[in-house]
Amino acid sequence: MSTGKLSAASSLRTFLEECKAEGDVVEIGLEVDPHLESGAISRLAYETASPMPLINNPKGKDGPEGLFRILGAPVGVRSDPTTRYARVAKSIGLPSNATGHDIIQKLIASKKTDPIPSVRVYDAPLKEHKIFGDEIDLLKLPVPKNHASDGGRYFLTYGLHSVQTPDGKWVNWAITRCMVIGKRQLTGLVDVKQDIGAIWAMWKAQGKDTPWACALGVPPAAAVASGMPLPKFVNEPDYVGAITGVPVEVIKCETNDVVVPAQSEVVLEGIISANETALEGPMGEYHGFLFPAKKSPQPVMTVNAITYRSNPIVPISVAGRAPDETHTVWALSICAEILDLLQQADLPITKAWCPFESQAIWYVVQVDRKRLVEMKTTPETFCRQVGEIVFSSKPGRFVPKIFVVGDNIDPSDLRDVVWAEATKCQPQDSDFYFVGNYPTYDLVPYATHGFKSREPQAKVVKLCMLPAEFETLDRPWVEASFRGSYPEEVKKKVLDNWRAYGYEERPAMG
């Protein structure tokens, strides 16, 4: 067990200490009802870029040291533009003032770094308290119902499931929701198109239930890695080490051989049934909708043991209108993957971003125009290359729309992106469609509730550049703006004298 100070990326407790020192945690001592009230607090914190609410006294908490406190909006954004992405930055070992581009570059660099194998430990605070078998009653715990129309109380919305292949060679940590359906039973999404479902199918093929654990309050870097669309057979624990630069400590469960992060706050352990199912859903989702009729049969998870540290903290993600963890973690990890794929193909793409306002549906890629011009390619050929590479990939399943912008557009600035699309994307001629063997994630609302929802869904690359930008570096226009219309000395003089002119604050310039 570690005896030294752990980093914010390696310990939820350190992460919260640092965020609290920066004014980014509000501790709530009042009793808060986990039935909707905790979800409403968290949702408002997301939507107003307020500090994380740490709910210390949820109704139903099992005594001062028992199960459990609730942390809302664990990876929302801050209102201060200079530290807007601080929570996700700290989660992967970057400073609070890291930019979105810094975060994506760190994720790519970690992927290219040699994995750092995890280290097995045999004791951790996680083992301070243990409950087994019929002593377990999930119905008595303060598991939150986050939206009024949710199908139930969701225990895991931001943590990880741990499963491994029957031969033990592939350990997969994945974020996927699960809801309480009984004293010892949960059910959650086990999609065979995703890694947790692929491993479950391997066990099922042997006629066996899947040994399983659900870890909550995990090291922030482990939560990030669990939400990334990493290649199959990549061991997430080793990738966590690549993110933090040190081996992640893991510890074996009490009732099976599954390993979980030793620095977890709470762990449920048991099995995922090979045959028994229950209706799961609905739940408010990353696209900002909740469809009350959206329920599906999913495998039942039976809990055989719970271990937890004293006075544990369970983070929750109350998915909905952006930004929440489905945008700051999941969508940005997809950006990192598609940027890496495009750069591996030697295409002149320098940045990728998902505007949070697009609900993880728009992905913007920025072009190095010097290299683009040197390619002597056509707009259609280039956009077809981009689309084919992304839409055919594992992360491409979750990417329905790509916007291609020039190097004068900041992909992370929605005003820039909207300006480029509105003025340069010519209907029909700038839209390049992909239909056929390019699956669309069926949680995208129009994929199941739009026109021709039973047919293959089209994907699109939208070219937000003019044809001349493919031919010459000399654009036949000048941007009519503060940044584009004035000499540097004039801009500097105006900025330096802004307060002297009578304005209260010097404007923040990107």
Protein backbone atom coordinates (compact mmCIF):
# COMPACT_ATOMS: atom_id res chain seq x y z
CA MET A 1 0.00 0.00 0.00
CA SER A 2 1.28 3.47 -0.89
CA THR A 3 2.67 5.51 1.96
CA GLY A 4 3.70 8.62 0.00
CA LYS A 5 1.53 11.49 -1.25
CA LEU A 6 -0.44 10.45 -4.32
CA SER A 7 -1.04 12.81 -7.24
CA ALA A 8 -4.45 14.21 -8.16
CA ALA A 9 -4.53 11.83 -11.12
CA SER A 10 -3.87 8.84 -8.86
CA SER A 11 -6.20 9.61 -5.96
CA LEU A 12 -9.71 11.07 -5.79
CA ARG A 13 -8.94 12.41 -2.31
CA THR A 14 -5.86 14.32 -3.52
CA PHE A 15 -7.84 15.56 -6.52
CA LEU A 16 -10.51 16.98 -4.21
CA GLU A 17 -7.94 18.52 -1.85
CA GLU A 18 -6.32 20.39 -4.73
CA CYS A 19 -9.64 21.47 -6.22
CA LYS A 20 -10.88 22.65 -2.81
CA ALA A 21 -7.71 24.75 -2.40
CA GLU A 22 -8.57 26.39 -5.72
CA GLY A 23 -12.15 27.15 -4.66
CA ASP A 24 -13.65 24.42 -6.82
CA VAL A 25 -15.46 22.33 -4.19
CA VAL A 26 -18.51 23.24 -2.11
CA GLU A 27 -19.07 20.93 0.87
CA ILE A 28 -22.77 20.55 1.66
CA GLY A 29 -23.60 19.67 5.27
CA LEU A 30 -27.39 19.87 4.96
CA GLU A 31 -29.25 16.61 4.49
CA VAL A 32 -29.76 16.12 0.76
CA ASP A 33 -32.23 13.65 -0.71
CA PRO A 34 -30.61 11.31 -3.25
CA HIS A 35 -34.04 11.05 -4.86
CA LEU A 36 -33.68 13.85 -7.44
CA GLU A 37 -32.27 16.57 -5.12
CA SER A 38 -28.62 15.46 -5.45
CA GLY A 39 -29.09 15.13 -9.21
CA ALA A 40 -30.66 18.60 -9.45
CA ILE A 41 -27.78 20.16 -7.48
CA SER A 42 -25.25 18.45 -9.75
CA ARG A 43 -27.08 19.39 -12.94
CA LEU A 44 -27.27 23.07 -11.96
CA ALA A 45 -23.57 23.00 -11.04
CA TYR A 46 -22.74 21.71 -14.55
CA GLU A 47 -24.92 24.23 -16.32
CA THR A 48 -23.61 27.23 -14.35
CA ALA A 49 -19.93 26.08 -14.27
CA SER A 50 -20.14 26.13 -10.47
CA PRO A 51 -17.79 24.26 -8.10
CA MET A 52 -18.29 20.54 -7.48
CA PRO A 53 -20.90 19.80 -4.81
CA LEU A 54 -19.60 17.34 -2.20
CA ILE A 55 -22.74 16.10 -0.46
CA ASN A 56 -21.57 14.92 2.96
CA ASN A 57 -24.97 14.06 4.41
CA PRO A 58 -27.19 12.37 1.83
CA LYS A 59 -30.44 10.99 3.22
CA GLY A 60 -29.91 7.31 3.97
CA LYS A 61 -26.15 7.46 4.56
CA ASP A 62 -25.08 4.60 6.84
CA GLY A 63 -23.54 6.51 9.75
CA PRO A 64 -20.47 8.80 9.93
CA GLU A 65 -18.08 6.28 8.37
CA GLY A 66 -20.53 4.34 6.23
CA LEU A 67 -21.93 4.28 2.73
CA PHE A 68 -21.65 6.95 1.29
CA ARG A 69 -21.08 10.60 0.41
CA ILE A 70 -21.95 11.87 -3.09
CA LEU A 71 -19.73 14.02 -5.34
CA GLY A 72 -21.54 15.81 -8.14
CA ALA A 73 -20.09 17.19 -11.39
CA PRO A 74 -16.65 15.59 -10.86
CA VAL A 75 -15.37 16.60 -14.30
CA GLY A 76 -17.55 19.55 -15.20
CA VAL A 77 -15.97 22.82 -16.28
CA ARG A 78 -15.07 25.95 -14.34
CA SER A 79 -16.35 29.46 -15.03
CA ASP A 80 -12.82 30.95 -15.11
CA PRO A 81 -11.73 30.73 -18.78
CA THR A 82 -8.07 30.32 -17.79
CA THR A 83 -8.84 27.14 -15.82
CA ARG A 84 -11.99 26.03 -17.64
CA TYR A 85 -10.73 22.47 -18.14
CA ALA A 86 -8.95 22.14 -14.77
CA ARG A 87 -10.83 19.04 -13.58
CA VAL A 88 -10.06 16.94 -16.63
CA ALA A 89 -6.52 18.37 -16.73
CA LYS A 90 -5.85 17.34 -13.11
CA SER A 91 -7.33 13.93 -13.88
CA ILE A 92 -4.47 13.21 -16.27
CA GLY A 93 -1.62 14.93 -14.46
CA LEU A 94 -1.72 18.37 -16.11
CA PRO A 95 -1.88 21.76 -14.37
CA SER A 96 -5.18 23.55 -13.86
CA ASN A 97 -4.49 26.04 -16.66
CA ALA A 98 -3.98 23.40 -19.36
CA THR A 99 -5.78 24.10 -22.62
CA GLY A 100 -8.04 21.69 -24.44
CA HIS A 101 -5.28 21.09 -26.98
CA ASP A 102 -2.84 20.32 -24.13
CA ILE A 103 -5.26 17.69 -22.81
CA ILE A 104 -5.70 15.98 -26.17
CA GLN A 105 -1.95 15.97 -26.80
CA LYS A 106 -1.37 14.40 -23.36
CA LEU A 107 -3.88 11.63 -24.14
CA ILE A 108 -2.17 10.91 -27.46
CA ALA A 109 1.30 10.98 -25.90
CA SER A 110 0.16 8.57 -23.18
CA LYS A 111 -1.15 6.19 -25.80
CA LYS A 112 2.21 6.21 -27.59
CA THR A 113 4.19 5.78 -24.38
CA ASP A 114 5.16 2.27 -23.35
CA PRO A 115 2.49 0.93 -20.97
CA ILE A 116 3.47 0.85 -17.32
CA PRO A 117 2.26 -2.44 -15.82
CA SER A 118 0.08 -2.18 -12.74
CA VAL A 119 1.39 -3.26 -9.33
CA ARG A 120 -0.55 -5.71 -7.15
CA VAL A 121 -0.95 -4.67 -3.51
CA TYR A 122 -2.50 -6.66 -0.72
CA ASP A 123 -3.92 -3.99 1.55
CA ALA A 124 -5.61 -0.63 1.00
CA PRO A 125 -8.13 1.67 2.73
CA LEU A 126 -10.68 0.06 0.40
CA LYS A 127 -10.56 -3.04 2.63
CA GLU A 128 -11.41 -1.20 5.87
CA HIS A 129 -15.05 -2.30 5.70
CA LYS A 130 -16.53 -5.44 4.14
CA ILE A 131 -20.09 -6.71 3.64
CA PHE A 132 -20.94 -10.12 2.22
CA GLY A 133 -23.90 -12.02 0.82
CA ASP A 134 -27.29 -11.48 2.41
CA GLU A 135 -25.93 -8.65 4.59
CA ILE A 136 -25.96 -6.56 1.40
CA ASP A 137 -29.00 -4.38 0.72
CA LEU A 138 -28.49 -1.94 -2.14
CA LEU A 139 -32.07 -0.69 -1.70
CA LYS A 140 -31.14 0.89 1.66
CA LEU A 141 -28.14 2.81 0.31
CA PRO A 142 -28.36 6.45 -0.86
CA VAL A 143 -28.07 5.49 -4.52
CA PRO A 144 -29.33 8.54 -6.43
CA LYS A 145 -32.16 8.85 -8.87
CA ASN A 146 -30.72 11.58 -11.05
CA HIS A 147 -33.58 12.55 -13.40
CA ALA A 148 -37.31 12.37 -12.67
CA SER A 149 -37.90 10.09 -15.67
CA ASP A 150 -34.92 7.77 -15.11
CA GLY A 151 -35.94 4.12 -14.97
CA GLY A 152 -34.33 3.65 -11.58
CA ARG A 153 -31.53 4.59 -9.21
CA TYR A 154 -28.15 4.49 -10.93
CA PHE A 155 -25.19 3.34 -8.81
CA LEU A 156 -22.50 3.66 -11.45
CA THR A 157 -22.52 6.72 -13.67
CA TYR A 158 -18.87 7.69 -13.15
CA GLY A 159 -16.58 4.89 -12.04
CA LEU A 160 -15.61 1.67 -13.76
CA HIS A 161 -16.58 -1.94 -14.35
CA SER A 162 -13.68 -4.39 -14.20
CA VAL A 163 -13.81 -7.65 -16.15
CA GLN A 164 -11.18 -9.89 -17.67
CA THR A 165 -11.05 -12.57 -20.34
CA PRO A 166 -11.32 -16.22 -19.26
CA ASP A 167 -7.57 -16.65 -19.79
CA GLY A 168 -6.86 -13.57 -17.64
CA LYS A 169 -4.72 -11.89 -20.29
CA TRP A 170 -6.98 -8.91 -21.00
CA VAL A 171 -8.21 -6.74 -18.12
CA ASN A 172 -10.84 -4.27 -19.24
CA TRP A 173 -11.97 -1.26 -17.22
CA ALA A 174 -15.04 0.38 -18.72
CA ILE A 175 -17.53 3.09 -17.80
CA THR A 176 -21.08 2.00 -18.50
CA ARG A 177 -24.13 2.80 -16.44
CA CYS A 178 -25.86 0.35 -14.07
CA MET A 179 -29.02 0.68 -12.01
CA VAL A 180 -30.26 -1.00 -8.85
CA ILE A 181 -33.07 -3.53 -9.35
CA GLY A 182 -32.95 -5.50 -6.07
CA LYS A 183 -31.21 -6.00 -2.73
CA ARG A 184 -28.18 -7.53 -4.45
CA GLN A 185 -28.97 -7.01 -8.11
CA LEU A 186 -28.19 -4.38 -10.69
CA THR A 187 -28.49 -4.25 -14.45
CA GLY A 188 -26.58 -2.13 -16.92
CA LEU A 189 -25.61 -1.71 -20.54
CA VAL A 190 -23.45 -4.61 -21.70
CA ASP A 191 -23.00 -3.88 -25.40
CA VAL A 192 -21.30 -6.68 -27.36
CA LYS A 193 -19.94 -3.98 -29.72
CA GLN A 194 -17.94 -2.62 -26.80
CA ASP A 195 -15.17 -4.31 -24.86
CA ILE A 196 -17.12 -5.18 -21.71
CA GLY A 197 -19.72 -6.90 -23.89
CA ALA A 198 -17.08 -8.72 -25.93
CA ILE A 199 -15.56 -10.18 -22.74
CA TRP A 200 -19.00 -11.07 -21.36
CA ALA A 201 -19.69 -12.93 -24.64
CA MET A 202 -16.46 -14.94 -24.21
CA TRP A 203 -17.58 -16.16 -20.78
CA LYS A 204 -21.11 -16.80 -22.04
CA ALA A 205 -19.71 -18.94 -24.88
CA GLN A 206 -18.21 -21.17 -22.17
CA GLY A 207 -21.56 -21.35 -20.41
CA LYS A 208 -20.26 -19.28 -17.49
CA ASP A 209 -21.22 -16.08 -15.73
CA THR A 210 -18.65 -13.28 -15.95
CA PRO A 211 -16.63 -12.49 -12.79
CA TRP A 212 -17.11 -8.76 -12.32
CA ALA A 213 -16.50 -5.76 -10.10
CA CYS A 214 -17.77 -2.19 -10.07
CA ALA A 215 -15.34 0.35 -8.59
CA LEU A 216 -16.48 3.83 -7.52
CA GLY A 217 -14.41 6.82 -6.47
CA VAL A 218 -11.50 5.51 -8.51
CA PRO A 219 -8.27 7.39 -9.34
CA PRO A 220 -9.27 10.15 -11.78
CA ALA A 221 -6.86 8.85 -14.44
CA ALA A 222 -8.49 5.42 -14.20
CA ALA A 223 -11.90 6.95 -14.84
CA VAL A 224 -10.55 8.75 -17.91
CA ALA A 225 -8.89 5.62 -19.29
CA SER A 226 -12.08 3.63 -18.73
CA GLY A 227 -14.01 6.06 -20.89
CA MET A 228 -11.58 5.97 -23.82
CA PRO A 229 -12.23 3.92 -26.99
CA LEU A 230 -8.88 2.15 -26.72
CA PRO A 231 -8.00 -0.71 -29.08
CA LYS A 232 -9.14 -4.18 -28.11
CA PHE A 233 -6.78 -6.18 -25.88
CA VAL A 234 -5.25 -3.03 -24.37
CA ASN A 235 -5.14 -3.44 -20.60
CA GLU A 236 -6.59 -0.24 -19.17
CA PRO A 237 -4.59 -0.56 -15.90
CA ASP A 238 -1.35 -0.36 -17.89
CA TYR A 239 -2.65 2.64 -19.84
CA VAL A 240 -3.45 4.41 -16.56
CA GLY A 241 0.23 4.06 -15.70
CA ALA A 242 1.16 5.63 -19.02
CA ILE A 243 -1.07 8.62 -18.17
CA THR A 244 0.26 9.18 -14.65
CA GLY A 245 3.85 8.06 -15.22
CA VAL A 246 3.70 5.63 -12.29
CA PRO A 247 2.21 2.15 -11.96
CA VAL A 248 -1.39 2.11 -10.82
CA GLU A 249 -1.88 -0.02 -7.74
CA VAL A 250 -4.48 -2.77 -8.09
CA ILE A 251 -5.96 -5.13 -5.53
CA LYS A 252 -7.83 -8.39 -5.94
CA CYS A 253 -11.48 -8.68 -5.05
CA GLU A 254 -12.63 -10.75 -2.08
CA THR A 255 -14.84 -13.23 -3.96
CA ASN A 256 -13.24 -13.49 -7.42
CA ASP A 257 -9.94 -12.86 -9.20
CA VAL A 258 -10.93 -9.52 -10.72
CA VAL A 259 -8.61 -6.60 -9.91
CA VAL A 260 -9.68 -3.03 -9.19
CA PRO A 261 -7.79 0.20 -8.40
CA ALA A 262 -6.53 -0.02 -4.83
CA GLN A 263 -7.32 3.68 -4.39
CA SER A 264 -11.04 3.13 -5.02
CA GLU A 265 -13.57 4.38 -2.45
CA VAL A 266 -16.19 1.62 -2.87
CA VAL A 267 -16.17 -1.69 -4.77
CA LEU A 268 -19.10 -3.97 -5.56
CA GLU A 269 -18.04 -7.43 -6.66
CA GLY A 270 -19.86 -10.44 -8.02
CA ILE A 271 -20.94 -11.78 -11.40
CA ILE A 272 -22.66 -10.71 -14.62
CA SER A 273 -25.19 -13.36 -15.53
CA ALA A 274 -24.75 -15.22 -18.80
CA ASN A 275 -28.50 -15.74 -19.17
CA GLU A 276 -30.61 -13.74 -16.71
CA THR A 277 -31.75 -10.30 -17.91
CA ALA A 278 -33.84 -7.41 -16.63
CA LEU A 279 -35.19 -4.26 -18.20
CA GLU A 280 -32.70 -1.38 -18.01
CA GLY A 281 -33.39 2.32 -18.54
CA PRO A 282 -34.29 4.87 -19.46
CA MET A 283 -31.68 7.40 -18.32
CA GLY A 284 -30.88 10.97 -19.24
CA GLU A 285 -28.00 10.73 -21.69
CA TYR A 286 -25.08 12.62 -23.21
CA HIS A 287 -27.19 14.04 -26.04
CA GLY A 288 -29.36 15.97 -23.57
CA PHE A 289 -32.52 13.88 -24.04
CA LEU A 290 -34.34 11.21 -22.08
CA PHE A 291 -36.74 8.95 -23.95
CA PRO A 292 -39.11 7.40 -21.37
CA ALA A 293 -39.90 4.41 -23.59
CA LYS A 294 -36.24 3.52 -24.13
CA LYS A 295 -35.78 0.32 -22.15
CA SER A 296 -33.94 -2.83 -23.10
CA PRO A 297 -33.20 -6.23 -21.55
CA GLN A 298 -29.68 -6.29 -20.15
CA PRO A 299 -27.69 -8.84 -18.10
CA VAL A 300 -28.28 -8.96 -14.37
CA MET A 301 -25.30 -8.23 -12.11
CA THR A 302 -25.37 -9.92 -8.71
CA VAL A 303 -23.36 -8.39 -5.85
CA ASN A 304 -21.64 -10.90 -3.56
CA ALA A 305 -19.50 -8.44 -1.58
CA ILE A 306 -19.01 -4.73 -0.97
CA THR A 307 -15.72 -3.31 0.31
CA TYR A 308 -15.19 0.36 1.12
CA ARG A 309 -13.00 2.84 2.93
CA SER A 310 -14.26 4.92 5.85
CA ASN A 311 -16.67 7.72 4.91
CA PRO A 312 -16.38 6.94 1.19
CA ILE A 313 -17.18 9.25 -1.70
CA VAL A 314 -19.13 8.14 -4.76
CA PRO A 315 -18.86 10.49 -7.78
CA ILE A 316 -21.92 10.71 -10.01
CA SER A 317 -22.32 11.91 -13.57
CA VAL A 318 -25.77 13.38 -14.18
CA ALA A 319 -25.66 13.24 -17.96
CA GLY A 320 -27.63 15.75 -20.00
CA ARG A 321 -27.12 19.16 -21.57
CA ALA A 322 -23.42 19.88 -21.91
CA PRO A 323 -20.96 20.04 -20.39
CA ASP A 324 -20.68 17.00 -18.17
CA GLU A 325 -18.30 14.01 -18.06
CA THR A 326 -19.72 12.54 -21.27
CA HIS A 327 -18.34 15.62 -23.02
CA THR A 328 -15.25 16.58 -21.00
CA VAL A 329 -13.95 13.00 -20.73
CA TRP A 330 -15.59 10.73 -23.29
CA ALA A 331 -15.83 13.17 -26.21
CA LEU A 332 -12.32 14.55 -25.68
CA SER A 333 -10.91 11.02 -25.58
CA ILE A 334 -12.60 10.40 -28.94
CA CYS A 335 -10.97 13.60 -30.24
CA ALA A 336 -7.58 12.27 -29.19
CA GLU A 337 -8.21 8.96 -30.95
CA ILE A 338 -9.38 10.45 -34.24
CA LEU A 339 -6.59 13.04 -34.28
CA ASP A 340 -4.06 10.26 -33.79
CA LEU A 341 -5.64 8.17 -36.57
CA LEU A 342 -5.57 11.09 -39.04
CA GLN A 343 -1.99 11.98 -38.18
CA GLN A 344 -0.91 8.35 -38.51
CA ALA A 345 -2.34 8.46 -42.03
CA ASP A 346 -0.04 11.48 -42.66
CA LEU A 347 -2.94 13.85 -43.29
CA PRO A 348 -2.21 17.50 -42.45
CA ILE A 349 -4.47 17.66 -39.40
CA THR A 350 -3.12 19.64 -36.44
CA LYS A 351 -5.96 19.75 -33.90
CA ALA A 352 -9.26 18.08 -33.11
CA TRP A 353 -12.02 19.20 -30.79
CA CYS A 354 -15.62 18.46 -29.88
CA PRO A 355 -17.58 21.64 -29.09
CA PHE A 356 -19.34 20.71 -25.88
CA GLU A 357 -22.48 22.52 -27.05
CA SER A 358 -22.82 19.88 -29.79
CA GLN A 359 -23.42 17.16 -27.17
CA ALA A 360 -20.53 14.97 -28.41
CA ILE A 361 -21.93 14.88 -31.94
CA TRP A 362 -19.80 17.46 -33.82
CA TYR A 363 -16.07 16.83 -34.19
CA VAL A 364 -13.92 19.61 -35.62
CA VAL A 365 -10.51 19.02 -37.22
CA GLN A 366 -8.07 21.79 -38.11
CA VAL A 367 -5.93 21.64 -41.27
CA ASP A 368 -2.30 22.70 -41.71
CA ARG A 369 -2.86 24.67 -44.91
CA LYS A 370 0.78 24.76 -45.97
CA ARG A 371 0.89 20.98 -46.08
CA LEU A 372 -2.57 20.87 -47.59
CA VAL A 373 -1.57 23.07 -50.49
CA GLU A 374 1.57 20.98 -51.01
CA MET A 375 -0.61 17.86 -51.31
CA LYS A 376 -2.21 19.27 -54.49
CA THR A 377 -5.43 17.49 -53.63
CA THR A 378 -9.06 18.41 -54.23
CA PRO A 379 -11.58 19.28 -51.52
CA GLU A 380 -13.64 16.16 -52.22
CA THR A 381 -10.66 13.77 -52.27
CA PHE A 382 -9.36 15.19 -49.01
CA CYS A 383 -12.72 15.10 -47.21
CA ARG A 384 -13.32 11.54 -48.43
CA GLN A 385 -9.95 10.52 -46.95
CA VAL A 386 -10.80 12.13 -43.61
CA GLY A 387 -14.23 10.53 -43.46
CA GLU A 388 -13.10 7.07 -44.50
CA ILE A 389 -10.35 6.99 -41.86
CA VAL A 390 -12.54 8.23 -39.02
CA PHE A 391 -15.90 6.63 -39.78
CA SER A 392 -14.33 3.19 -40.36
CA SER A 393 -12.52 3.22 -37.00
CA LYS A 394 -13.57 2.04 -33.54
CA PRO A 395 -14.10 5.59 -32.20
CA GLY A 396 -15.75 6.51 -35.51
CA ARG A 397 -18.88 4.68 -34.42
CA PHE A 398 -19.52 7.60 -32.07
CA VAL A 399 -18.68 10.33 -34.63
CA PRO A 400 -21.55 11.26 -36.96
CA LYS A 401 -20.42 14.71 -38.12
CA ILE A 402 -16.95 16.08 -38.89
CA PHE A 403 -16.22 19.75 -39.59
CA VAL A 404 -12.98 20.51 -41.47
CA VAL A 405 -11.63 24.02 -40.78
CA GLY A 406 -8.59 26.03 -41.80
CA ASP A 407 -5.67 27.03 -39.59
CA ASN A 408 -7.21 30.44 -38.86
CA ILE A 409 -10.06 28.74 -36.99
CA ASP A 410 -9.68 27.53 -33.40
CA PRO A 411 -11.65 24.26 -33.17
CA SER A 412 -12.26 24.83 -29.44
CA ASP A 413 -13.85 28.25 -30.08
CA LEU A 414 -17.48 27.67 -31.02
CA ARG A 415 -17.78 31.22 -32.37
CA ASP A 416 -14.96 30.48 -34.79
CA VAL A 417 -16.49 27.16 -35.85
CA VAL A 418 -19.96 28.61 -36.41
CA TRP A 419 -18.48 31.50 -38.42
CA ALA A 420 -16.54 29.09 -40.62
CA GLU A 421 -19.52 26.79 -41.20
CA ALA A 422 -21.96 29.61 -41.86
CA THR A 423 -19.77 31.46 -44.35
CA LYS A 424 -17.75 28.73 -46.09
CA CYS A 425 -19.78 25.51 -45.97
CA GLN A 426 -21.83 25.56 -49.16
CA PRO A 427 -24.98 23.42 -48.93
CA GLN A 428 -24.57 20.20 -50.92
CA ASP A 429 -21.22 21.03 -52.55
CA SER A 430 -19.35 21.21 -49.21
CA ASP A 431 -21.15 18.24 -47.66
CA PHE A 432 -19.63 14.81 -48.25
CA TYR A 433 -21.86 11.95 -47.16
CA PHE A 434 -20.95 8.42 -46.11
CA VAL A 435 -23.67 5.76 -46.14
CA GLY A 436 -23.33 2.02 -45.75
CA ASN A 437 -20.89 0.21 -43.49
CA TYR A 438 -20.42 3.18 -41.15
CA PRO A 439 -22.48 2.41 -38.02
CA THR A 440 -23.95 5.26 -36.02
CA TYR A 441 -24.24 4.94 -32.26
CA ASP A 442 -27.90 4.29 -31.63
CA LEU A 443 -27.99 6.67 -28.64
CA VAL A 444 -27.82 9.57 -31.14
CA PRO A 445 -31.48 10.71 -31.05
CA TYR A 446 -32.05 10.99 -34.79
CA ALA A 447 -30.59 7.51 -35.37
CA THR A 448 -33.58 5.92 -33.65
CA HIS A 449 -36.19 8.69 -33.70
CA GLY A 450 -35.41 10.52 -36.94
CA PHE A 451 -36.34 10.02 -40.58
CA LYS A 452 -35.73 6.51 -41.96
CA SER A 453 -34.45 5.39 -38.58
CA ARG A 454 -34.52 1.72 -39.63
CA GLU A 455 -32.11 2.34 -42.50
CA PRO A 456 -28.32 2.88 -42.36
CA GLN A 457 -27.67 6.40 -41.12
CA ALA A 458 -25.63 8.83 -43.19
CA LYS A 459 -22.52 10.43 -41.75
CA VAL A 460 -21.08 13.66 -43.08
CA VAL A 461 -17.85 15.56 -43.47
CA LYS A 462 -18.64 19.26 -43.73
CA LEU A 463 -15.94 21.30 -45.43
CA CYS A 464 -15.78 24.72 -43.74
CA MET A 465 -13.11 26.06 -46.10
CA LEU A 466 -13.28 27.65 -49.53
CA PRO A 467 -11.76 25.94 -52.60
CA ALA A 468 -9.06 28.61 -52.87
CA GLU A 469 -7.63 27.47 -49.51
CA PHE A 470 -6.59 24.20 -51.15
CA GLU A 471 -4.72 26.00 -53.94
CA THR A 472 -2.76 28.87 -52.39
CA LEU A 473 -1.61 30.22 -49.04
CA ASP A 474 -2.61 33.70 -50.17
CA ARG A 475 -6.23 33.95 -49.14
CA PRO A 476 -8.27 36.31 -51.34
CA TRP A 477 -9.81 37.97 -48.29
CA VAL A 478 -8.92 39.64 -44.98
CA GLU A 479 -10.75 38.84 -41.77
CA ALA A 480 -12.80 41.83 -40.63
CA SER A 481 -12.19 41.59 -36.89
CA PHE A 482 -10.01 42.94 -34.09
CA ARG A 483 -7.45 40.19 -34.63
CA GLY A 484 -7.52 40.41 -38.43
CA SER A 485 -7.90 44.06 -39.36
CA TYR A 486 -5.24 45.93 -37.39
CA PRO A 487 -1.44 46.03 -37.12
CA GLU A 488 0.05 44.41 -34.02
CA GLU A 489 1.17 47.75 -32.61
CA VAL A 490 -2.37 49.13 -32.79
CA LYS A 491 -3.85 46.07 -31.11
CA LYS A 492 -1.23 46.21 -28.36
CA LYS A 493 -1.90 49.90 -27.75
CA VAL A 494 -5.65 49.34 -27.49
CA LEU A 495 -5.26 46.42 -25.10
CA ASP A 496 -2.70 48.25 -22.94
CA ASN A 497 -4.96 51.33 -22.70
CA TRP A 498 -8.24 49.46 -22.25
CA ARG A 499 -8.64 50.47 -18.60
CA ALA A 500 -7.51 54.01 -19.36
CA TYR A 501 -10.31 54.27 -21.91
CA GLY A 502 -12.71 53.69 -19.01
CA TYR A 503 -13.35 49.95 -19.25
CA GLU A 504 -13.17 47.96 -16.01
CA GLU A 505 -11.30 44.91 -17.20
CA ARG A 506 -8.89 44.18 -20.01
CA PRO A 507 -10.66 41.70 -22.32
CA ALA A 508 -9.40 38.14 -22.43
CA MET A 509 -8.01 37.39 -25.88
CA GLY A 510 -7.51 33.85 -27.20
